Structure formats: C-alpha cells, structure tokens
Amino acid sequence: MQQKLDEIRSEALNQLKGIDNSRDLESWRVKYLGKKSPLTSALRSLSALSIEERKSAGAGANRLKTLLEEGLKQKEQELQQKRLAAESASEAIDITLPGRPYPAGRTHPITQTLEEICDIFYSMGFQIKPGPDVEWDYYNFEALNIPAEHPARDTMSSSWIDFTAADGTRPMLLRTHTTSVTAHTAKEMEPPIRVIEPGRVYRYEATDATHIPMFYQVDGFAVDVGITMADLKGTLYEFARRFFGKDRKVRFRVDFFPFVEPGVEMAIECLACAGAGCRLCSNSGWIEILGAGMTHPRVLELGGIDPEKYGSFAFGIGIERLPMLRYGIDDIRQFYANDLRFLRQF
C-alpha cells in the first residue's frame, strides 16, 4: 500500500509542476483527487487490510491527500498571479503616448449667425435690445398697425396663450415676429434711436424645407431727423456686403407690410443654384431674407413719436436663411435635428 501511495505521490507532483493553464489543472484535480482517482481507490481498499496496516496506510493516504490539495491550491494561486500579470501588461498605459483628443463644444450655427449679425450692426451704431417671447396682443399686432380685423393676422398663424381676460378676450400669445419689440422701443426710448432686436419667434404652421414653427429673427429700428429710404438701402447693402461678401447679388422689390410704408423685400441670389433655380429658392434663383421699409406714421404715433418731425425705417431678418444661403444648405430642419455630423461642420 505504501509503495502504491509513493507512486501516486511522485507521478502527481511531477505532472503538477508542468501545468501552466487552468484547464490542465482541472484535469489534474479530477485525475488525482476525484472520485475515480487512484488515491480514492486506495482509501476504499483500506478495509481489506489488518488493523495495524490500516492505521499506517490510512495515515499515509490522508497525508498524501493533504499534500496534493495544498499543491493544487498553490498552483491555482500561481496561475491566478500569472493571469493578472498578463492582464496588467496588456492594459498598461504608455505615458509617453499623446493624450486622446476629446471633442470640443461649439456654439450652435444659429447662435454664431446671431452673434455675427449683432456685431455687424453694433459696428454701425445700433444698440441690441431683447424682448419677451410671450407678448401682449397689443404690442404684437395693434401697436404695429395690425388691428383685430386685419388679414395679416391670419398669415401670422399665431399661437395664443391659454389665458382669458376679464372681458373674455385672449390678449397674450407667443410673439410672431420680433417687430413686437419695436413697439416697446418706440414707447420707451427717445429719438435718435438705432436698435436691433434679436430673438425667437413662433408661427403655427407646417414644417418643410424652408419653414419651421420656431425660428429666429433680428428686427432693426432707426428713428432720427432726416432719415430716408436711401439710409435704409445703404444700411442693408452694407450688412449684405459684410455678411455675404461684396460679390453677392442683392435685389430689392416692392412689398407690403402693415407697419411700414412704403415696404420692400430684400433677396439674395441663391447660393445653392447660383441663380439658376432649385427647390430651395422655389426655382426663382432668389431667396428673400428680410422685409423692410419706412416705418408707418401710425406706428410712430402709437409710440409717442412725431412722424412729421422724425423719419424712421425698420427691417426684419429671418436668421436661419442666412447660413442656408452662405453654406448652400437646402433644408432648414437640419439646424434643429441635433445631428452632430452636421453641427460639427460649424
């Protein structure tokens, strides 16, 4: 029996030394410590020995079992340390390598455009005057010569606030144009006045390539003695020259707006098709970017300004169309789709 145990011990320990992976170690455990191992068979055969031989052989078998179990545990620890060392080596950081670049945040292209427009007009002597997004009916319409029965109210597609006054009217809405700030300015400031009024505006209308229900405008308002249409055209030509470059074509055409008289629209040659006509410009070759004109005398009177003494002009620019023209973008919805592939270009 003792000779057999010595043979098991020598064979098991020799094989254990050569094991270098967990799979072979598990096979070794099953072979020498499992239920069908030689050592287990030897322990089961002790009953056939005499009492004295049984004591001696049993003690030797138990010592061998303990020895093999300790060898197994030690080998498991060695393999674990080896595996951890390999993982550490594969995950080690080479501190001499350059750092990983992280994407830098940028301002939105519409914000960039707003800031550029404000800089241009500020350099021409205009102040910047913001106003509230939620506006009174009076400042959004009536103070701008758009009374309750005026058809221009229908084209504004207003979003009314769920508010009912004591007389049953609903006099609050999301402003449909930043021209509402002009009505405040006329009341609050004394001539001479030169202001631009940037902000969001809201129209309850269908979304397509050139229309969205929330967009940005910049309105301008100037009041002084002797102001004429020539001042208005000169100001807008200078703006177009600085924003689009001196080679871009600009067109003025007569138009109607209730708060100016006479009124004009200013259009820029479509960059997407170079004036040939495309979906963006409705095949006209031109895209209107602003409406303007000489401020209606009624608007000045409602603001407490004498139209006989002062001349005045006003204009309103749709912001989104400016970067569309500059960069050849054919769908206004791309600005608000939150597609980083598009936004990172700016």
Protein backbone atom coordinates (compact mmCIF):
# COMPACT_ATOMS: atom_id res chain seq x y z
CA MET A 1 0.00 0.00 0.00
CA GLN A 2 2.78 2.43 0.97
CA GLN A 3 4.60 1.71 -2.28
CA LYS A 4 1.44 2.44 -4.24
CA LEU A 5 0.94 5.75 -2.40
CA ASP A 6 4.55 6.71 -3.11
CA GLU A 7 4.00 6.05 -6.82
CA ILE A 8 0.82 8.20 -6.85
CA ARG A 9 2.67 10.98 -5.00
CA SER A 10 5.65 11.01 -7.39
CA GLU A 11 3.51 10.87 -10.52
CA ALA A 12 1.04 13.53 -9.36
CA LEU A 13 3.65 16.06 -8.23
CA ASN A 14 5.70 15.63 -11.40
CA GLN A 15 2.66 16.32 -13.58
CA LEU A 16 1.62 19.26 -11.38
CA LYS A 17 4.93 21.01 -11.99
CA GLY A 18 4.42 21.04 -15.75
CA ILE A 19 0.88 22.51 -15.70
CA ASP A 20 0.60 26.13 -16.96
CA ASN A 21 -3.13 26.68 -17.54
CA SER A 22 -6.40 26.27 -15.64
CA ARG A 23 -7.84 23.66 -17.99
CA ASP A 24 -4.94 21.22 -17.45
CA LEU A 25 -5.05 21.93 -13.71
CA GLU A 26 -8.70 20.93 -13.56
CA SER A 27 -7.92 17.72 -15.43
CA TRP A 28 -5.14 17.01 -12.92
CA ARG A 29 -7.53 17.56 -9.98
CA VAL A 30 -10.07 15.13 -11.41
CA LYS A 31 -7.36 12.56 -12.11
CA TYR A 32 -5.67 12.61 -8.68
CA LEU A 33 -8.32 13.93 -6.29
CA GLY A 34 -11.58 12.97 -8.00
CA LYS A 35 -13.95 10.17 -7.08
CA LYS A 36 -12.30 7.75 -9.50
CA SER A 37 -8.70 8.70 -8.72
CA PRO A 38 -6.08 6.12 -7.60
CA LEU A 39 -5.90 7.79 -4.20
CA THR A 40 -9.64 7.43 -3.65
CA SER A 41 -9.45 3.78 -4.71
CA ALA A 42 -6.60 3.24 -2.25
CA LEU A 43 -8.61 4.73 0.59
CA ARG A 44 -11.56 2.48 -0.22
CA SER A 45 -9.35 -0.62 -0.17
CA LEU A 46 -8.14 0.02 3.40
CA SER A 47 -10.93 -2.14 4.76
CA ALA A 48 -9.21 -5.21 3.36
CA LEU A 49 -6.08 -4.61 5.48
CA SER A 50 -5.39 -5.63 9.04
CA ILE A 51 -5.94 -3.08 11.81
CA GLU A 52 -2.25 -2.25 12.17
CA GLU A 53 -1.72 -1.93 8.40
CA ARG A 54 -4.94 0.07 8.10
CA LYS A 55 -3.72 2.66 10.63
CA SER A 56 -0.37 3.09 8.92
CA ALA A 57 -1.73 3.11 5.35
CA GLY A 58 -4.68 5.35 6.25
CA ALA A 59 -2.42 7.96 7.84
CA GLY A 60 -0.14 7.90 4.77
CA ALA A 61 -3.10 8.21 2.38
CA ASN A 62 -4.50 11.18 4.30
CA ARG A 63 -1.09 12.89 4.32
CA LEU A 64 -0.85 12.37 0.56
CA LYS A 65 -4.33 13.78 0.02
CA THR A 66 -3.47 16.86 2.09
CA LEU A 67 -0.21 17.26 0.18
CA LEU A 68 -1.96 17.08 -3.21
CA GLU A 69 -4.69 19.51 -2.12
CA GLU A 70 -2.07 22.02 -0.95
CA GLY A 71 -0.18 21.58 -4.23
CA LEU A 72 -3.42 22.20 -6.13
CA LYS A 73 -4.13 25.36 -4.14
CA GLN A 74 -0.61 26.67 -4.63
CA LYS A 75 -0.75 26.01 -8.38
CA GLU A 76 -4.12 27.82 -8.61
CA GLN A 77 -2.56 30.87 -6.94
CA GLU A 78 0.41 30.77 -9.30
CA LEU A 79 -1.86 30.64 -12.36
CA GLN A 80 -4.01 33.46 -10.96
CA GLN A 81 -0.97 35.68 -10.45
CA LYS A 82 0.27 34.82 -13.92
CA ARG A 83 -3.11 35.73 -15.44
CA LEU A 84 -3.27 39.04 -13.54
CA ALA A 85 0.27 39.93 -14.62
CA ALA A 86 -0.64 39.26 -18.27
CA GLU A 87 -3.80 41.40 -17.99
CA SER A 88 -1.86 44.21 -16.34
CA ALA A 89 0.73 44.12 -19.08
CA SER A 90 -1.93 44.26 -21.81
CA GLU A 91 -3.76 47.15 -20.10
CA ALA A 92 -0.69 49.16 -19.20
CA ILE A 93 -0.70 52.81 -20.24
CA ASP A 94 2.28 54.16 -22.09
CA ILE A 95 2.64 57.59 -20.53
CA THR A 96 4.84 58.72 -23.42
CA LEU A 97 1.90 58.47 -25.86
CA PRO A 98 -0.07 61.66 -26.67
CA GLY A 99 -3.39 62.10 -24.91
CA ARG A 100 -6.65 61.06 -26.54
CA PRO A 101 -8.43 64.02 -28.14
CA TYR A 102 -11.91 64.82 -26.85
CA PRO A 103 -14.45 66.69 -28.99
CA ALA A 104 -14.67 70.36 -28.13
CA GLY A 105 -18.03 72.02 -27.70
CA ARG A 106 -19.03 74.82 -30.06
CA THR A 107 -21.81 77.33 -30.26
CA HIS A 108 -24.76 76.39 -32.46
CA PRO A 109 -24.57 77.72 -36.04
CA ILE A 110 -27.71 79.82 -35.44
CA THR A 111 -26.09 81.33 -32.34
CA GLN A 112 -22.95 82.04 -34.36
CA THR A 113 -25.06 83.77 -37.01
CA LEU A 114 -26.92 85.84 -34.42
CA GLU A 115 -23.66 86.98 -32.84
CA GLU A 116 -22.19 87.90 -36.22
CA ILE A 117 -25.28 89.92 -37.21
CA CYS A 118 -25.25 91.74 -33.87
CA ASP A 119 -21.55 92.55 -34.32
CA ILE A 120 -22.15 93.96 -37.81
CA PHE A 121 -25.00 96.26 -36.77
CA TYR A 122 -23.29 97.19 -33.50
CA SER A 123 -20.33 98.43 -35.52
CA MET A 124 -22.79 100.61 -37.49
CA GLY A 125 -24.06 102.26 -34.31
CA PHE A 126 -27.05 100.07 -33.42
CA GLN A 127 -27.85 99.01 -29.86
CA ILE A 128 -29.06 95.48 -29.06
CA LYS A 129 -32.47 95.30 -27.38
CA PRO A 130 -34.11 91.96 -26.47
CA GLY A 131 -37.78 91.46 -25.68
CA PRO A 132 -40.20 88.88 -24.21
CA ASP A 133 -41.17 85.69 -26.09
CA VAL A 134 -44.68 85.83 -24.61
CA GLU A 135 -46.22 89.05 -25.80
CA TRP A 136 -49.39 91.10 -25.45
CA ASP A 137 -51.69 91.21 -28.43
CA TYR A 138 -51.35 94.99 -28.43
CA TYR A 139 -47.57 95.06 -28.96
CA ASN A 140 -47.55 92.11 -31.38
CA PHE A 141 -50.36 93.48 -33.59
CA GLU A 142 -52.24 96.65 -32.73
CA ALA A 143 -49.23 98.86 -31.97
CA LEU A 144 -47.81 97.77 -35.35
CA ASN A 145 -50.86 98.91 -37.31
CA ILE A 146 -52.40 95.41 -37.42
CA PRO A 147 -55.88 95.78 -35.87
CA ALA A 148 -58.14 92.85 -34.95
CA GLU A 149 -59.82 92.67 -38.36
CA HIS A 150 -56.57 92.93 -40.38
CA PRO A 151 -55.95 89.92 -42.72
CA ALA A 152 -52.24 89.93 -41.84
CA ARG A 153 -53.17 88.30 -38.54
CA ASP A 154 -54.24 85.19 -40.42
CA THR A 155 -50.90 84.86 -42.23
CA MET A 156 -49.05 85.08 -38.89
CA SER A 157 -50.55 81.72 -37.72
CA SER A 158 -50.40 82.78 -34.09
CA SER A 159 -50.02 80.51 -31.07
CA TRP A 160 -52.27 82.00 -28.40
CA ILE A 161 -51.64 81.56 -24.70
CA ASP A 162 -54.38 79.82 -22.70
CA PHE A 163 -55.33 82.97 -20.87
CA THR A 164 -58.69 84.71 -20.72
CA ALA A 165 -59.00 88.30 -19.58
CA ALA A 166 -61.96 89.67 -17.63
CA ASP A 167 -63.58 90.93 -20.83
CA GLY A 168 -63.41 87.48 -22.44
CA THR A 169 -60.52 88.23 -24.80
CA ARG A 170 -57.26 86.29 -25.15
CA PRO A 171 -54.68 89.04 -25.40
CA MET A 172 -51.45 87.01 -24.94
CA LEU A 173 -49.55 84.93 -27.48
CA LEU A 174 -46.11 83.66 -28.44
CA ARG A 175 -44.78 86.55 -30.48
CA THR A 176 -44.96 86.01 -34.21
CA HIS A 177 -42.17 88.48 -35.01
CA THR A 178 -39.55 90.43 -33.10
CA THR A 179 -41.11 93.57 -34.55
CA SER A 180 -43.15 93.50 -31.34
CA VAL A 181 -40.01 94.77 -29.60
CA THR A 182 -40.09 97.76 -31.94
CA ALA A 183 -43.46 98.74 -30.44
CA HIS A 184 -41.89 98.66 -26.97
CA THR A 185 -38.83 100.59 -28.18
CA ALA A 186 -40.91 103.36 -29.69
CA LYS A 187 -42.62 103.91 -26.34
CA GLU A 188 -39.58 103.51 -24.11
CA MET A 189 -36.83 105.37 -25.97
CA GLU A 190 -36.44 108.93 -27.19
CA PRO A 191 -35.04 109.69 -30.68
CA PRO A 192 -32.46 109.35 -32.06
CA ILE A 193 -32.95 105.56 -31.96
CA ARG A 194 -30.90 102.82 -33.59
CA VAL A 195 -31.61 99.33 -32.23
CA ILE A 196 -31.68 95.73 -33.40
CA GLU A 197 -33.96 93.25 -31.68
CA PRO A 198 -32.88 89.57 -31.91
CA GLY A 199 -34.90 86.64 -30.59
CA ARG A 200 -37.08 83.60 -31.17
CA VAL A 201 -40.45 83.88 -32.88
CA TYR A 202 -43.29 81.38 -33.26
CA ARG A 203 -45.68 80.56 -36.10
CA TYR A 204 -48.28 77.82 -36.02
CA GLU A 205 -47.56 76.38 -39.46
CA ALA A 206 -46.47 73.22 -41.26
CA THR A 207 -42.79 72.26 -41.35
CA ASP A 208 -40.95 71.96 -44.66
CA ALA A 209 -37.53 72.71 -46.15
CA THR A 210 -37.87 76.47 -45.53
CA HIS A 211 -40.44 76.73 -42.70
CA ILE A 212 -40.45 75.64 -39.07
CA PRO A 213 -42.78 76.65 -36.20
CA MET A 214 -40.00 78.22 -34.10
CA PHE A 215 -37.22 80.24 -35.68
CA TYR A 216 -35.09 83.34 -35.11
CA GLN A 217 -35.40 86.91 -36.32
CA VAL A 218 -33.48 90.13 -35.95
CA ASP A 219 -35.52 93.30 -36.35
CA GLY A 220 -33.99 96.71 -36.79
CA PHE A 221 -35.46 100.11 -35.98
CA ALA A 222 -33.98 103.56 -36.58
CA VAL A 223 -35.53 106.97 -35.83
CA ASP A 224 -33.89 110.33 -36.46
CA VAL A 225 -34.36 113.61 -38.21
CA GLY A 226 -34.00 113.35 -41.98
CA ILE A 227 -33.92 109.54 -42.31
CA THR A 228 -34.89 108.42 -45.84
CA MET A 229 -35.21 105.25 -47.90
CA ALA A 230 -31.62 105.83 -49.05
CA ASP A 231 -30.46 105.33 -45.45
CA LEU A 232 -32.39 102.06 -45.25
CA LYS A 233 -30.96 100.70 -48.51
CA GLY A 234 -27.45 101.83 -47.61
CA THR A 235 -27.65 100.11 -44.22
CA LEU A 236 -28.94 96.84 -45.68
CA TYR A 237 -26.45 96.87 -48.57
CA GLU A 238 -23.63 97.31 -46.07
CA PHE A 239 -24.95 94.44 -43.99
CA ALA A 240 -25.20 92.16 -47.04
CA ARG A 241 -21.69 93.13 -48.16
CA ARG A 242 -20.19 92.29 -44.76
CA PHE A 243 -22.13 89.08 -44.21
CA PHE A 244 -22.17 87.54 -47.71
CA GLY A 245 -19.23 89.27 -49.35
CA LYS A 246 -19.07 92.11 -51.84
CA ASP A 247 -19.72 89.85 -54.87
CA ARG A 248 -23.14 88.55 -53.80
CA LYS A 249 -26.09 89.93 -55.75
CA VAL A 250 -28.82 91.72 -53.81
CA ARG A 251 -32.31 92.59 -55.02
CA PHE A 252 -34.95 94.97 -53.63
CA ARG A 253 -38.59 94.69 -54.65
CA VAL A 254 -41.70 96.49 -53.52
CA ASP A 255 -43.67 94.58 -50.88
CA PHE A 256 -46.35 95.25 -48.29
CA PHE A 257 -46.09 95.09 -44.51
CA PRO A 258 -48.69 96.79 -42.29
CA PHE A 259 -46.08 98.55 -40.14
CA VAL A 260 -44.06 100.18 -42.97
CA GLU A 261 -44.97 102.47 -45.87
CA PRO A 262 -43.51 102.10 -48.44
CA GLY A 263 -42.36 98.49 -47.93
CA VAL A 264 -39.70 96.44 -49.68
CA GLU A 265 -38.29 92.94 -49.59
CA MET A 266 -34.60 92.21 -49.91
CA ALA A 267 -33.45 88.98 -51.54
CA ILE A 268 -30.04 87.36 -52.03
CA GLU A 269 -29.02 85.30 -55.03
CA CYS A 270 -29.46 81.60 -54.17
CA LEU A 271 -26.06 80.07 -53.45
CA ALA A 272 -27.32 76.51 -53.89
CA CYS A 273 -28.09 77.03 -57.59
CA ALA A 274 -26.25 80.33 -58.33
CA GLY A 275 -29.50 81.88 -59.54
CA ALA A 276 -30.44 79.02 -61.88
CA GLY A 277 -33.43 77.91 -59.79
CA CYS A 278 -33.78 75.00 -57.37
CA ARG A 279 -36.03 73.54 -54.65
CA LEU A 280 -34.58 75.85 -52.01
CA CYS A 281 -35.44 79.05 -53.90
CA SER A 282 -38.68 77.70 -55.46
CA ASN A 283 -36.95 77.86 -58.86
CA SER A 284 -36.74 81.66 -58.73
CA GLY A 285 -32.98 81.97 -58.25
CA TRP A 286 -33.52 84.31 -55.28
CA ILE A 287 -34.28 83.85 -51.59
CA GLU A 288 -35.92 86.58 -49.58
CA ILE A 289 -34.06 87.22 -46.34
CA LEU A 290 -35.80 90.27 -44.95
CA GLY A 291 -38.67 92.67 -45.20
CA ALA A 292 -38.13 96.38 -44.64
CA GLY A 293 -39.47 99.84 -45.30
CA MET A 294 -40.09 103.28 -43.89
CA THR A 295 -41.88 102.94 -40.56
CA HIS A 296 -45.61 103.65 -40.89
CA PRO A 297 -46.56 107.04 -39.35
CA ARG A 298 -49.30 105.33 -37.34
CA VAL A 299 -46.72 103.09 -35.63
CA LEU A 300 -44.64 106.13 -34.68
CA GLU A 301 -47.71 107.94 -33.36
CA LEU A 302 -48.71 104.97 -31.17
CA GLY A 303 -45.18 105.01 -29.75
CA GLY A 304 -45.36 108.73 -28.98
CA ILE A 305 -43.00 109.81 -31.80
CA ASP A 306 -43.95 112.71 -34.08
CA PRO A 307 -43.84 111.39 -37.71
CA GLU A 308 -43.78 114.97 -39.02
CA LYS A 309 -40.51 115.64 -37.21
CA TYR A 310 -38.72 112.30 -37.45
CA GLY A 311 -38.03 109.84 -40.23
CA SER A 312 -37.75 106.14 -39.46
CA PHE A 313 -37.01 102.82 -41.11
CA ALA A 314 -37.42 99.24 -39.93
CA PHE A 315 -36.40 95.81 -41.15
CA GLY A 316 -36.78 92.19 -40.11
CA ILE A 317 -34.31 89.41 -40.98
CA GLY A 318 -35.01 85.67 -40.89
CA ILE A 319 -31.84 84.28 -39.30
CA GLU A 320 -31.92 80.66 -40.47
CA ARG A 321 -31.95 81.61 -44.14
CA LEU A 322 -28.66 83.47 -43.86
CA PRO A 323 -26.42 80.44 -43.10
CA MET A 324 -28.50 78.45 -45.59
CA LEU A 325 -27.54 80.95 -48.28
CA ARG A 326 -23.94 81.25 -47.13
CA TYR A 327 -23.23 77.49 -46.93
CA GLY A 328 -25.66 76.13 -49.52
CA ILE A 329 -27.88 74.27 -47.02
CA ASP A 330 -31.15 73.21 -48.65
CA ASP A 331 -33.22 72.25 -45.59
CA ILE A 332 -33.79 74.50 -42.57
CA ARG A 333 -34.69 71.49 -40.41
CA GLN A 334 -31.07 70.35 -40.34
CA PHE A 335 -30.27 73.13 -37.83
CA TYR A 336 -32.58 71.57 -35.23
CA ALA A 337 -32.17 67.83 -35.92
CA ASN A 338 -29.31 67.57 -33.36
CA ASP A 339 -27.17 65.65 -35.85
CA LEU A 340 -23.59 66.13 -34.64
CA ARG A 341 -22.21 65.26 -38.07
CA PHE A 342 -23.95 68.38 -39.39
CA LEU A 343 -23.27 70.67 -36.40
CA ARG A 344 -19.54 69.87 -36.21
CA GLN A 345 -19.06 71.49 -39.62
CA PHE A 346 -19.58 74.88 -37.96
